[in-house]
Protein backbone atom coordinates (compact mmCIF):
# COMPACT_ATOMS: atom_id res chain seq x y z
CA UNK A 1 -11.82 -28.46 -7.73
CA UNK A 2 -13.80 -25.45 -7.49
CA UNK A 3 -11.61 -22.92 -6.01
CA UNK A 4 -12.22 -19.23 -5.49
CA UNK A 5 -8.96 -16.77 -4.63
CA UNK A 6 -11.06 -13.68 -2.03
CA UNK A 7 -8.58 -11.43 -1.81
CA UNK A 8 -7.90 -7.33 -1.24
CA UNK A 9 -6.28 -7.12 -5.32
CA UNK A 10 -5.45 -8.86 -8.04
CA UNK A 11 -1.88 -8.58 -7.06
CA UNK A 12 1.78 -9.85 -8.13
CA UNK A 13 0.77 -12.72 -5.56
CA UNK A 14 -2.57 -13.46 -6.17
CA UNK A 15 -1.90 -13.59 -10.05
CA UNK A 16 0.64 -16.49 -9.53
CA UNK A 17 -1.63 -18.16 -7.39
CA UNK A 18 -4.32 -17.99 -9.85
CA UNK A 19 -1.98 -19.02 -13.25
CA UNK A 20 -0.83 -22.12 -10.82
CA UNK A 21 -4.39 -23.14 -10.29
CA UNK A 22 -5.40 -22.87 -13.76
CA UNK A 23 -2.43 -24.52 -15.26
CA UNK A 24 -3.51 -27.51 -12.58
CA UNK A 25 -6.59 -27.72 -13.95
CA UNK A 26 -9.15 -26.25 -11.23
CA UNK A 27 -12.26 -24.25 -12.08
CA UNK A 28 -10.75 -20.92 -10.42
CA UNK A 29 -12.58 -17.84 -10.13
CA UNK A 30 -11.90 -14.48 -8.01
CA UNK A 31 -13.77 -12.33 -5.98
CA UNK A 32 -12.94 -9.23 -4.33
CA UNK A 33 -12.97 -8.20 -0.30
CA UNK A 34 -14.74 -5.23 -0.33
CA UNK A 35 -17.83 -6.32 2.21
CA UNK A 36 -19.59 -9.29 4.25
CA UNK A 37 -22.49 -8.87 1.87
CA UNK A 38 -21.29 -8.46 -1.27
CA UNK A 39 -17.85 -11.40 -0.52
CA UNK A 40 -21.55 -13.45 0.76
CA UNK A 41 -23.00 -12.96 -2.75
CA UNK A 42 -20.24 -13.91 -4.93
CA UNK A 43 -19.54 -17.30 -2.74
CA UNK A 44 -22.94 -18.19 -2.99
CA UNK A 45 -23.16 -17.79 -6.26
CA UNK A 46 -19.58 -19.62 -7.36
CA UNK A 47 -20.18 -22.34 -4.74
CA UNK A 48 -16.58 -23.06 -4.09
CA UNK A 49 -15.38 -25.87 -2.58
CA UNK A 50 -12.14 -24.11 -1.44
CA UNK A 51 -11.62 -20.37 -0.61
CA UNK A 52 -7.93 -19.16 -0.56
CA UNK A 53 -6.59 -15.75 0.21
CA UNK A 54 -3.30 -15.00 -1.10
CA UNK A 55 -3.31 -11.17 -0.43
CA UNK A 56 -5.91 -10.11 1.81
CA UNK A 57 -5.95 -6.76 3.91
CA UNK A 58 -8.81 -7.03 6.06
CA UNK A 59 -10.57 -9.38 8.43
CA UNK A 60 -12.84 -12.17 7.31
CA UNK A 61 -16.32 -12.17 9.05
CA UNK A 62 -17.18 -15.60 10.64
CA UNK A 63 -19.83 -15.95 7.87
CA UNK A 64 -17.23 -17.05 5.54
CA UNK A 65 -14.77 -19.09 7.29
CA UNK A 66 -17.49 -21.39 9.52
CA UNK A 67 -19.16 -22.47 6.21
CA UNK A 68 -16.42 -22.58 3.40
CA UNK A 69 -12.93 -24.37 3.90
CA UNK A 70 -11.02 -20.88 3.80
CA UNK A 71 -7.32 -20.54 4.23
CA UNK A 72 -4.99 -17.27 4.22
CA UNK A 73 -1.50 -16.94 3.17
CA UNK A 74 0.58 -15.31 5.67
CA UNK A 75 4.31 -13.38 4.60
CA UNK A 76 6.00 -14.89 7.61
CA UNK A 77 6.99 -18.16 9.06
CA UNK A 78 5.26 -20.21 11.95
CA UNK A 79 4.32 -17.57 15.10
CA UNK A 80 4.15 -14.81 13.04
CA UNK A 81 1.06 -12.92 13.27
CA UNK A 82 -0.10 -9.29 12.04
CA UNK A 83 -0.06 -6.77 9.43
CA UNK A 84 3.65 -5.37 8.46
CA UNK A 85 5.34 -8.71 8.63
CA UNK A 86 8.30 -7.99 5.91
CA UNK A 87 8.79 -4.70 7.82
CA UNK A 88 9.66 -6.19 10.94
CA UNK A 89 11.66 -9.17 9.18
CA UNK A 90 13.56 -6.28 7.31
CA UNK A 91 14.53 -3.79 10.50
CA UNK A 92 14.96 -6.84 12.66
CA UNK A 93 17.85 -8.02 9.79
CA UNK A 94 16.17 -11.48 9.57
CA UNK A 95 18.40 -13.77 7.73
CA UNK A 96 15.58 -16.49 7.11
CA UNK A 97 11.47 -15.50 6.64
CA UNK A 98 8.89 -17.50 5.57
CA UNK A 99 5.18 -18.48 3.71
CA UNK A 100 2.39 -20.09 5.60
CA UNK A 101 -0.90 -21.06 4.23
CA UNK A 102 -3.16 -21.41 7.57
CA UNK A 103 -7.05 -22.08 8.18
CA UNK A 104 -8.79 -19.07 8.86
CA UNK A 105 -10.68 -18.64 11.97
CA UNK A 106 -11.56 -16.06 14.83
CA UNK A 107 -7.99 -15.71 15.94
CA UNK A 108 -6.39 -13.19 13.78
CA UNK A 109 -3.37 -15.24 12.14
CA UNK A 110 -4.08 -18.21 14.25
CA UNK A 111 -5.14 -20.66 12.71
CA UNK A 112 -3.55 -23.89 11.96
CA UNK A 113 -1.16 -24.32 9.63
CA UNK A 114 -1.31 -26.62 6.53
CA UNK A 115 1.77 -25.49 4.77
CA UNK A 116 5.33 -23.60 5.14
CA UNK A 117 8.15 -22.77 3.11
CA UNK A 118 10.96 -20.52 4.22
CA UNK A 119 13.74 -18.24 2.34
CA UNK A 120 16.77 -16.65 2.46
CA UNK A 121 16.45 -12.47 3.07
CA UNK A 122 18.09 -10.95 0.17
CA UNK A 123 19.60 -7.34 0.89
CA UNK A 124 16.94 -5.76 -0.90
CA UNK A 125 14.00 -4.12 -0.58
CA UNK A 126 10.38 -5.00 0.76
CA UNK A 127 8.66 -4.81 -2.55
CA UNK A 128 11.49 -7.39 -4.52
CA UNK A 129 11.39 -9.45 -1.55
CA UNK A 130 7.53 -9.78 -1.98
CA UNK A 131 7.59 -10.17 -6.15
CA UNK A 132 10.67 -12.89 -5.95
CA UNK A 133 10.94 -14.73 -2.74
CA UNK A 134 8.12 -14.30 -1.29
CA UNK A 135 5.68 -15.14 -4.49
CA UNK A 136 8.13 -18.12 -4.77
CA UNK A 137 7.86 -19.62 -1.60
CA UNK A 138 3.74 -18.59 -1.68
CA UNK A 139 4.10 -21.42 -4.86
CA UNK A 140 5.81 -24.26 -2.87
CA UNK A 141 3.88 -23.41 -0.19
CA UNK A 142 0.83 -24.50 -2.56
CA UNK A 143 1.57 -27.45 -3.85
CA UNK A 144 2.82 -28.72 -0.42
CA UNK A 145 -0.63 -27.43 1.00
CA UNK A 146 -2.72 -29.52 -1.96
CA UNK A 147 -1.28 -33.11 0.10
CA UNK A 148 -1.41 -32.18 3.46
CA UNK A 149 -4.88 -31.03 3.02
CA UNK A 150 -5.75 -34.22 1.55
CA UNK A 151 -3.98 -35.98 4.29
CA UNK A 152 -5.13 -33.35 7.20
CA UNK A 153 -1.56 -32.91 8.12
CA UNK A 154 -1.42 -29.86 10.10
CA UNK A 155 0.72 -28.17 12.46
CA UNK A 156 -0.80 -25.77 15.38
CA UNK A 157 0.08 -22.22 14.69
CA UNK A 158 1.74 -20.57 17.28
CA UNK A 159 -0.22 -18.02 19.25
CA UNK A 160 2.87 -15.21 19.31
CA UNK A 161 1.93 -11.39 20.09
CA UNK A 162 0.25 -9.62 16.87
CA UNK A 163 2.84 -7.19 15.49
CA UNK A 164 2.14 -3.51 15.81
CA UNK A 165 0.95 -1.22 12.66
CA UNK A 166 4.42 -0.38 11.18
CA UNK A 167 4.04 3.23 12.05
CA UNK A 168 5.36 6.27 10.27
CA UNK A 169 7.24 7.15 13.49
CA UNK A 170 8.99 3.44 12.70
CA UNK A 171 10.00 4.68 8.84
CA UNK A 172 11.32 8.13 9.83
CA UNK A 173 14.95 9.10 8.62
CA UNK A 174 17.33 11.14 11.14
CA UNK A 175 19.32 12.93 8.35
CA UNK A 176 21.56 14.30 10.97
CA UNK A 177 22.27 10.62 12.90
CA UNK A 178 21.65 8.04 10.43
CA UNK A 179 23.93 6.95 8.06
CA UNK A 180 23.87 6.21 5.03
CA UNK A 181 23.45 2.22 5.25
CA UNK A 182 20.78 2.92 8.05
CA UNK A 183 18.66 5.32 5.43
CA UNK A 184 19.22 2.36 2.75
CA UNK A 185 17.26 -0.21 4.88
CA UNK A 186 14.17 1.99 6.24
CA UNK A 187 13.66 3.15 2.80
CA UNK A 188 13.35 -0.81 1.40
CA UNK A 189 11.45 -1.74 4.29
CA UNK A 190 8.87 0.56 3.00
CA UNK A 191 9.15 0.39 -0.83
CA UNK A 192 6.96 0.17 -2.79
CA UNK A 193 4.15 1.09 -0.25
CA UNK A 194 3.55 3.35 1.87
CA UNK A 195 7.13 5.11 1.22
CA UNK A 196 9.13 6.98 4.05
CA UNK A 197 7.36 10.43 5.37
CA UNK A 198 10.22 13.21 4.66
CA UNK A 199 10.11 16.41 3.76
CA UNK A 200 12.29 17.79 0.28
CA UNK A 201 12.76 20.96 -0.33
CA UNK A 202 9.65 21.91 1.76
CA UNK A 203 7.53 19.50 -0.10
CA UNK A 204 5.83 17.03 2.04
CA UNK A 205 6.46 13.40 0.31
CA UNK A 206 7.07 9.84 0.36
CA UNK A 207 10.23 8.88 -0.81
CA UNK A 208 10.95 5.77 -2.73
CA UNK A 209 13.58 3.65 -4.91
CA UNK A 210 17.06 4.48 -2.74
CA UNK A 211 20.35 3.61 -4.09
CA UNK A 212 23.91 3.67 -2.67
CA UNK A 213 25.91 6.75 -4.32
CA UNK A 214 30.06 6.23 -4.30
CA UNK A 215 31.39 9.46 -5.54
CA UNK A 216 29.57 12.37 -4.79
CA UNK A 217 29.49 14.18 -1.18
CA UNK A 218 27.39 17.09 0.61
CA UNK A 219 25.74 18.04 3.90
CA UNK A 220 22.98 15.65 4.60
CA UNK A 221 20.26 15.98 2.64
CA UNK A 222 21.29 18.25 0.71
CA UNK A 223 21.04 17.57 -3.07
CA UNK A 224 23.91 17.64 -4.84
CA UNK A 225 22.96 16.13 -8.62
CA UNK A 226 19.49 15.00 -10.48
CA UNK A 227 19.89 12.34 -13.29
CA UNK A 228 17.30 10.62 -15.28
CA UNK A 229 14.49 11.67 -12.85
CA UNK A 230 16.34 11.20 -9.86
CA UNK A 231 17.83 13.33 -7.64
CA UNK A 232 20.87 12.58 -5.05
CA UNK A 233 21.20 13.57 -1.41
CA UNK A 234 23.81 13.52 0.87
CA UNK A 235 24.06 11.43 4.17
CA UNK A 236 26.30 12.10 7.51
CA UNK A 237 28.87 9.44 5.31
CA UNK A 238 28.09 9.71 2.00
CA UNK A 239 24.94 9.76 -0.51
CA UNK A 240 22.19 7.89 -1.81
CA UNK A 241 19.86 8.58 -4.95
CA UNK A 242 15.82 8.90 -4.46
CA UNK A 243 13.95 7.85 -7.81
CA UNK A 244 10.80 8.09 -6.88
CA UNK A 245 8.54 10.60 -4.28
CA UNK A 246 4.53 11.20 -4.01
CA UNK A 247 3.46 14.15 -2.63
CA UNK A 248 0.98 13.63 0.02
CA UNK A 249 -2.27 12.75 -1.22
CA UNK A 250 -0.98 12.51 -4.40
CA UNK A 251 0.95 9.76 -6.99
CA UNK A 252 4.46 8.00 -7.27
CA UNK A 253 6.37 10.15 -9.96
CA UNK A 254 10.11 10.40 -10.62
CA UNK A 255 11.77 12.62 -8.17
CA UNK A 256 12.14 15.46 -10.52
CA UNK A 257 8.56 15.96 -11.97
CA UNK A 258 7.81 16.40 -8.31
CA UNK A 259 9.88 18.89 -7.27
CA UNK A 260 10.04 20.31 -10.96
CA UNK A 261 11.41 24.15 -10.65
CA UNK A 262 12.86 23.80 -7.16
CA UNK A 263 15.92 22.10 -8.97
CA UNK A 264 16.58 24.62 -11.18
CA UNK A 265 20.43 25.03 -10.23
CA UNK A 266 21.07 21.22 -9.83
CA UNK A 267 23.41 20.15 -12.42
CA UNK A 268 22.03 16.76 -14.31
CA UNK A 269 24.84 14.50 -13.84
CA UNK A 270 24.91 11.84 -16.90
CA UNK A 271 26.13 8.16 -17.20
CA UNK A 272 26.89 6.98 -20.32
CA UNK A 273 24.26 5.40 -22.28
CA UNK A 274 25.17 2.18 -21.31
CA UNK A 275 27.22 1.97 -17.02
CA UNK A 276 29.79 -0.14 -16.95
CA UNK A 277 28.79 -0.34 -13.30
CA UNK A 278 32.31 -0.10 -12.31
CA UNK A 279 30.95 1.78 -8.95
CA UNK A 280 27.86 2.17 -6.85
CA UNK A 281 24.99 4.85 -8.14
CA UNK A 282 21.92 4.90 -9.97
CA UNK A 283 21.50 3.55 -13.25
CA UNK A 284 18.83 2.46 -15.23
CA UNK A 285 20.57 0.57 -18.29
CA UNK A 286 23.42 -1.72 -18.03
CA UNK A 287 24.89 -4.74 -19.91
CA UNK A 288 26.89 -7.85 -19.72
CA UNK A 289 29.01 -9.35 -22.29
CA UNK A 290 29.66 -13.42 -22.60
CA UNK A 291 31.04 -15.04 -25.61
CA UNK A 292 29.20 -13.64 -28.23
CA UNK A 293 26.32 -12.40 -26.50
CA UNK A 294 25.44 -9.38 -25.16
CA UNK A 295 22.76 -8.81 -21.90
CA UNK A 296 21.00 -6.15 -21.97
CA UNK A 297 19.15 -4.82 -18.83
CA UNK A 298 16.78 -2.13 -18.31
CA UNK A 299 15.76 -1.74 -15.19
CA UNK A 300 13.19 1.08 -15.07
CA UNK A 301 10.89 1.48 -11.70
CA UNK A 302 7.57 -0.97 -11.41
CA UNK A 303 8.56 -1.70 -15.15
CA UNK A 304 7.13 1.44 -16.25
CA UNK A 305 8.91 2.89 -19.74
CA UNK A 306 8.16 6.75 -20.41
CA UNK A 307 9.06 8.19 -24.00
CA UNK A 308 12.36 8.88 -22.69
CA UNK A 309 13.33 5.67 -21.19
CA UNK A 310 12.19 3.90 -24.73
CA UNK A 311 14.22 6.13 -26.75
CA UNK A 312 17.15 5.77 -24.30
CA UNK A 313 16.80 1.93 -24.45
CA UNK A 314 16.63 2.34 -28.27
CA UNK A 315 19.64 3.76 -28.50
CA UNK A 316 21.08 1.22 -26.48
CA UNK A 317 19.57 -1.68 -28.91
CA UNK A 318 21.34 0.05 -32.05
CA UNK A 319 24.48 0.53 -30.63
CA UNK A 320 24.75 -3.23 -29.19
CA UNK A 321 23.47 -4.77 -32.50
CA UNK A 322 27.17 -3.87 -33.66
CA UNK A 323 29.06 -5.15 -30.57
CA UNK A 324 27.95 -8.72 -30.42
CA UNK A 325 26.11 -11.56 -32.21
CA UNK A 326 23.22 -12.60 -30.12
CA UNK A 327 21.23 -9.77 -28.00
CA UNK A 328 19.33 -10.81 -25.37
CA UNK A 329 17.24 -8.64 -23.85
CA UNK A 330 17.02 -8.92 -19.84
CA UNK A 331 14.56 -5.94 -18.41
CA UNK A 332 14.78 -5.12 -14.76
CA UNK A 333 15.40 -6.38 -11.47
CA UNK A 334 11.02 -6.84 -10.43
CA UNK A 335 9.90 -6.49 -13.93
CA UNK A 336 10.75 -6.84 -17.77
CA UNK A 337 8.47 -4.70 -18.80
CA UNK A 338 4.91 -3.06 -18.05
CA UNK A 339 4.75 -0.76 -21.10
CA UNK A 340 3.88 3.14 -20.92
CA UNK A 341 4.14 5.08 -18.08
CA UNK A 342 0.23 5.88 -17.19
CA UNK A 343 1.68 8.15 -13.92
CA UNK A 344 3.80 10.49 -16.03
CA UNK A 345 0.59 10.35 -18.70
CA UNK A 346 -1.67 11.34 -15.55
CA UNK A 347 1.10 14.49 -13.98
CA UNK A 348 0.84 15.56 -17.86
CA UNK A 349 -0.66 19.21 -18.72
CA UNK A 350 -0.31 17.99 -22.18
CA UNK A 351 -2.16 14.11 -21.72
CA UNK A 352 -2.65 13.35 -25.28
CA UNK A 353 0.36 14.39 -27.07
CA UNK A 354 2.64 12.76 -24.13
CA UNK A 355 0.60 9.69 -24.62
CA UNK A 356 1.07 9.58 -28.38
CA UNK A 357 4.70 10.80 -27.98
CA UNK A 358 4.93 7.75 -25.14
CA UNK A 359 3.65 4.96 -27.64
CA UNK A 360 5.35 5.85 -30.49
CA UNK A 361 8.94 5.81 -28.92
CA UNK A 362 7.62 2.20 -27.67
CA UNK A 363 6.81 1.37 -31.60
CA UNK A 364 10.16 3.15 -32.45
CA UNK A 365 12.39 0.28 -29.86
CA UNK A 366 10.40 -2.52 -30.91
CA UNK A 367 10.92 -1.32 -34.72
CA UNK A 368 14.76 -1.01 -33.96
CA UNK A 369 14.26 -4.64 -32.28
CA UNK A 370 12.46 -6.26 -35.14
CA UNK A 371 14.17 -4.92 -37.97
CA UNK A 372 17.93 -6.04 -36.01
CA UNK A 373 18.76 -8.23 -39.13
CA UNK A 374 22.92 -8.11 -38.50
CA UNK A 375 22.02 -10.47 -34.91
CA UNK A 376 19.54 -12.93 -33.23
CA UNK A 377 17.55 -11.35 -30.55
CA UNK A 378 16.17 -12.97 -27.46
CA UNK A 379 13.92 -11.77 -24.69
CA UNK A 380 14.08 -12.98 -21.59
CA UNK A 381 10.99 -13.50 -18.91
CA UNK A 382 12.78 -13.88 -16.14
CA UNK A 383 10.28 -11.05 -14.64
CA UNK A 384 6.94 -10.65 -14.90
CA UNK A 385 5.75 -8.53 -17.82
CA UNK A 386 2.56 -6.84 -18.97
CA UNK A 387 0.41 -4.95 -21.45
CA UNK A 388 3.27 -3.71 -24.04
CA UNK A 389 6.25 -4.86 -22.50
CA UNK A 390 5.03 -8.35 -23.65
CA UNK A 391 5.15 -7.83 -26.89
CA UNK A 392 8.55 -5.51 -26.42
CA UNK A 393 9.71 -9.32 -25.44
CA UNK A 394 7.39 -10.69 -28.53
CA UNK A 395 9.52 -8.52 -31.25
CA UNK A 396 12.55 -10.72 -30.25
CA UNK A 397 13.46 -13.63 -32.73
CA UNK A 398 13.18 -16.39 -29.62
CA UNK A 399 11.32 -15.72 -26.10
CA UNK A 400 13.18 -17.82 -22.54
CA UNK A 401 10.66 -17.51 -19.52
CA UNK A 402 11.75 -18.40 -16.10
CA UNK A 403 9.45 -21.20 -14.20
CA UNK A 404 6.77 -18.92 -11.93
CA UNK A 405 6.96 -15.88 -13.88
CA UNK A 406 3.37 -14.32 -15.45
CA UNK A 407 1.91 -12.32 -18.24
CA UNK A 408 -0.31 -9.93 -18.93
CA UNK A 409 -0.94 -9.96 -22.74
CA UNK A 410 -3.20 -7.36 -22.80
CA UNK A 411 -4.48 -3.80 -23.02
CA UNK A 412 -8.15 -3.58 -22.39
CA UNK A 413 -8.52 -2.90 -18.55
CA UNK A 414 -6.75 0.24 -19.07
CA UNK A 415 -9.20 0.98 -22.24
CA UNK A 416 -6.33 1.15 -24.83
CA UNK A 417 -6.10 -1.11 -27.60
CA UNK A 418 -2.66 -0.53 -27.57
CA UNK A 419 0.29 -0.92 -30.43
CA UNK A 420 4.07 -1.60 -30.44
CA UNK A 421 3.28 -3.94 -33.59
CA UNK A 422 0.88 -6.85 -31.26
CA UNK A 423 -1.48 -7.47 -34.19
CA UNK A 424 1.69 -8.51 -36.10
CA UNK A 425 3.69 -10.42 -33.41
CA UNK A 426 1.25 -12.55 -31.21
CA UNK A 427 -0.89 -13.96 -34.08
CA UNK A 428 2.58 -14.66 -36.00
CA UNK A 429 3.18 -16.83 -32.71
CA UNK A 430 -0.24 -18.10 -31.84
CA UNK A 431 -2.53 -17.55 -34.69
CA UNK A 432 -5.48 -14.82 -35.14
CA UNK A 433 -7.98 -16.47 -33.29
CA UNK A 434 -6.16 -17.43 -30.09
CA UNK A 435 -4.50 -14.07 -29.98
CA UNK A 436 -7.73 -12.30 -29.94
CA UNK A 437 -9.14 -14.48 -27.46
CA UNK A 438 -5.88 -13.54 -25.14
CA UNK A 439 -6.47 -9.98 -25.80
CA UNK A 440 -9.99 -9.58 -24.93
CA UNK A 441 -10.27 -11.97 -21.70
CA UNK A 442 -7.60 -9.76 -19.93
CA UNK A 443 -6.68 -12.59 -18.21
CA UNK A 444 -3.02 -13.36 -16.86
CA UNK A 445 -1.25 -16.60 -18.09
CA UNK A 446 1.90 -18.24 -16.99
CA UNK A 447 5.06 -18.81 -18.51
CA UNK A 448 4.06 -22.34 -18.83
CA UNK A 449 0.89 -22.01 -19.93
CA UNK A 450 2.59 -19.56 -23.22
CA UNK A 451 4.66 -22.16 -23.87
CA UNK A 452 1.42 -24.25 -24.62
CA UNK A 453 0.64 -21.69 -26.86
CA UNK A 454 3.87 -21.44 -28.61
CA UNK A 455 3.78 -17.89 -27.39
CA UNK A 456 7.17 -18.77 -25.61
CA UNK A 457 10.29 -20.86 -27.05
CA UNK A 458 11.64 -22.56 -23.68
CA UNK A 459 10.34 -22.56 -20.01
CA UNK A 460 13.68 -23.00 -17.40
CA UNK A 461 13.47 -23.86 -13.92
CA UNK A 462 14.31 -21.13 -11.35
CA UNK A 463 17.34 -22.98 -9.70
CA UNK A 464 18.85 -23.23 -13.51
CA UNK A 465 17.64 -20.72 -15.42
CA UNK A 466 20.99 -17.94 -15.84
CA UNK A 467 22.63 -21.00 -17.00
CA UNK A 468 20.56 -22.73 -19.73
CA UNK A 469 19.14 -19.35 -20.90
CA UNK A 470 23.29 -18.99 -21.78
CA UNK A 471 23.44 -21.94 -23.30
CA UNK A 472 20.13 -21.65 -25.30
CA UNK A 473 21.47 -17.69 -26.53
CA UNK A 474 24.93 -19.31 -27.34
CA UNK A 475 24.24 -21.81 -29.31
CA UNK A 476 21.21 -20.37 -31.87
CA UNK A 477 23.49 -18.00 -34.44
CA UNK A 478 23.75 -19.08 -37.77
CA UNK A 479 24.69 -16.89 -41.14
CA UNK A 480 21.75 -19.03 -42.46
CA UNK A 481 18.97 -17.67 -39.81
CA UNK A 482 20.32 -14.04 -40.13
CA UNK A 483 20.18 -14.63 -44.27
CA UNK A 484 16.22 -16.24 -44.12
CA UNK A 485 15.84 -13.07 -41.43
CA UNK A 486 16.90 -10.31 -44.05
CA UNK A 487 14.96 -11.97 -46.87
CA UNK A 488 11.71 -12.80 -44.80
CA UNK A 489 11.80 -8.64 -43.34
CA UNK A 490 12.20 -7.37 -46.65
CA UNK A 491 9.61 -9.26 -48.13
CA UNK A 492 7.29 -8.41 -45.09
CA UNK A 493 8.03 -5.08 -44.47
CA UNK A 494 5.30 -3.19 -46.09
CA UNK A 495 2.33 -6.07 -44.06
CA UNK A 496 4.22 -5.09 -40.82
CA UNK A 497 4.35 -1.92 -41.16
CA UNK A 498 0.70 -1.00 -42.57
CA UNK A 499 -0.51 -3.01 -38.82
CA UNK A 500 1.71 -0.90 -36.86
CA UNK A 501 0.10 2.16 -38.74
CA UNK A 502 -3.41 0.46 -38.05
CA UNK A 503 -2.71 -0.07 -34.54
CA UNK A 504 -1.97 3.47 -34.27
CA UNK A 505 -4.86 4.60 -35.97
CA UNK A 506 -7.17 3.15 -33.86
CA UNK A 507 -5.05 4.27 -30.61
CA UNK A 508 -4.98 7.74 -31.52
CA UNK A 509 -8.56 8.39 -30.17
CA UNK A 510 -7.99 7.20 -27.20
CA UNK A 511 -5.05 9.05 -26.33
CA UNK A 512 -6.57 12.28 -27.67
CA UNK A 513 -10.45 12.41 -27.19
CA UNK A 514 -11.77 13.88 -23.91
CA UNK A 515 -14.17 10.93 -24.29
CA UNK A 516 -11.93 7.80 -23.87
CA UNK A 517 -12.39 5.43 -20.93
CA UNK A 518 -8.39 5.77 -20.93
CA UNK A 519 -8.99 8.97 -18.87
CA UNK A 520 -10.53 7.42 -15.99
CA UNK A 521 -9.14 4.19 -16.26
CA UNK A 522 -5.54 5.62 -16.18
CA UNK A 523 -6.75 7.92 -13.13
CA UNK A 524 -8.06 5.08 -11.28
CA UNK A 525 -5.08 2.86 -11.75
CA UNK A 526 -1.94 6.05 -10.51
CA UNK A 527 -4.15 6.95 -7.73
CA UNK A 528 -5.03 2.73 -6.69
CA UNK A 529 -8.94 3.84 -6.46
CA UNK A 530 -10.36 1.28 -4.25
CA UNK A 531 -12.99 -0.85 -6.66
CA UNK A 532 -16.34 -1.15 -5.50
CA UNK A 533 -16.89 -4.02 -7.01
CA UNK A 534 -14.70 -7.12 -8.93
CA UNK A 535 -14.24 -6.68 -12.00
CA UNK A 536 -16.54 -9.30 -14.62
CA UNK A 537 -12.90 -10.85 -15.95
CA UNK A 538 -12.25 -12.08 -13.37
CA UNK A 539 -15.06 -14.45 -12.19
CA UNK A 540 -16.17 -17.33 -13.65
CA UNK A 541 -19.17 -17.60 -14.46
CA UNK A 542 -21.35 -20.92 -14.10
CA UNK A 543 -24.05 -21.68 -15.88
CA UNK A 544 -26.12 -24.59 -13.95
CA UNK A 545 -23.14 -27.76 -14.47
CA UNK A 546 -21.22 -26.07 -17.39
CA UNK A 547 -18.55 -23.70 -16.35
CA UNK A 548 -17.03 -21.19 -18.63
CA UNK A 549 -14.69 -18.10 -18.54
């Protein structure tokens, strides 16, 4: 079937639907919802049999839904209508929520429902709920949708009142009244967009990334400490950490980057390299040990990794190599890793120098994984990964993925050729021709597709993933494997390092040249510039009766 995804952005949910449809054998193209003329032009060119809208922030004109079967994914259960559905769910402490797929018509979220999937609501941020539960429910609803569409089985929507916009007045923190848990909930329901508007040390900014603190105490809104870019603020009954701020009109950065010299005199309260999670506080790197296995977690905000974070993670890897037989990289709560930290580079006064430092720190981390010849290494793609984050994983001996996870093994959409030893690790797994195809097409693929390409080794089901991952990791160590690995690395080290040096030779002008596309593309990414057209890479080109990507 020819299916067009009409969306406001090619985000996590849209990519999950895209890869699922591709894996089902459908011909899938993407169009951004920018203007009526543009949408109709792209629709008429592709001539879809079906239009799906996984992530849509604007009304669709009648010219589309009256002439094409069009269905909208709404992040709410039957009867929920209007914007900010997840905010209202979290504000009301809803225990169960859902996703529906409904037919587009003139009523806002008022069409007949062709699929629905409910889920339990975790105590977490809106962003995490969206990236995990909403995406998972979306894929489950999509499976129902095709069955119900074929059988014309539908449920009339309950035409309840439409939500009001969830304004900043509803999000605002009352520091002299709200307790710690209330503040955490308010920041959670606004993360990762739009954040909670507030003022810190005279700076008007939006707050993101909140963590409870058990030990520090102070006056409400008093800055008590800083750690790894985050700041600790007092509350009426405790304290919280805020990891990121965004100046009004600016972009999101670690809190200390926004406040800078205003934090002179605030102590950096450090934790051990690998925190034992014995109390509530803000931390990024932790480990869990079981049997002969160390599970290394690195929960970096949105999966972005600065040079300093890469260095800390490298030290953790080096330490754990002497503490286990099998080392499993787990990534973070919502992402495995998305590579270098573009926002910090955009903020830098020395963008070339800091970009170069960031990619070399990533390479040092990958080096420590590639040459970890005392242990067996495993990458757990239990969450999405992109760009250099994918290639951190491919540096491991084995790679395991959880169903529903999406990988983006490419760099070029940001004007980079990439490093992280990818010219060694990717062809080693999928062959040179397929590696070049993945890097040049710049399209997402499911872990299921990645396994079919032999890019990863195993894919396990959502419900049993961590049990199966542990069983896999527990049974892969052997002295013979370690001996063969050591011999292989000794024989091929010069070749591997030569490939990395060639990557850096190509990347050098991408960071340092003023004419590099990276500077413009990075800025557009960081400032979330609204696109003026659908990227060509997302369009399925139609040539008479031939369809090809």
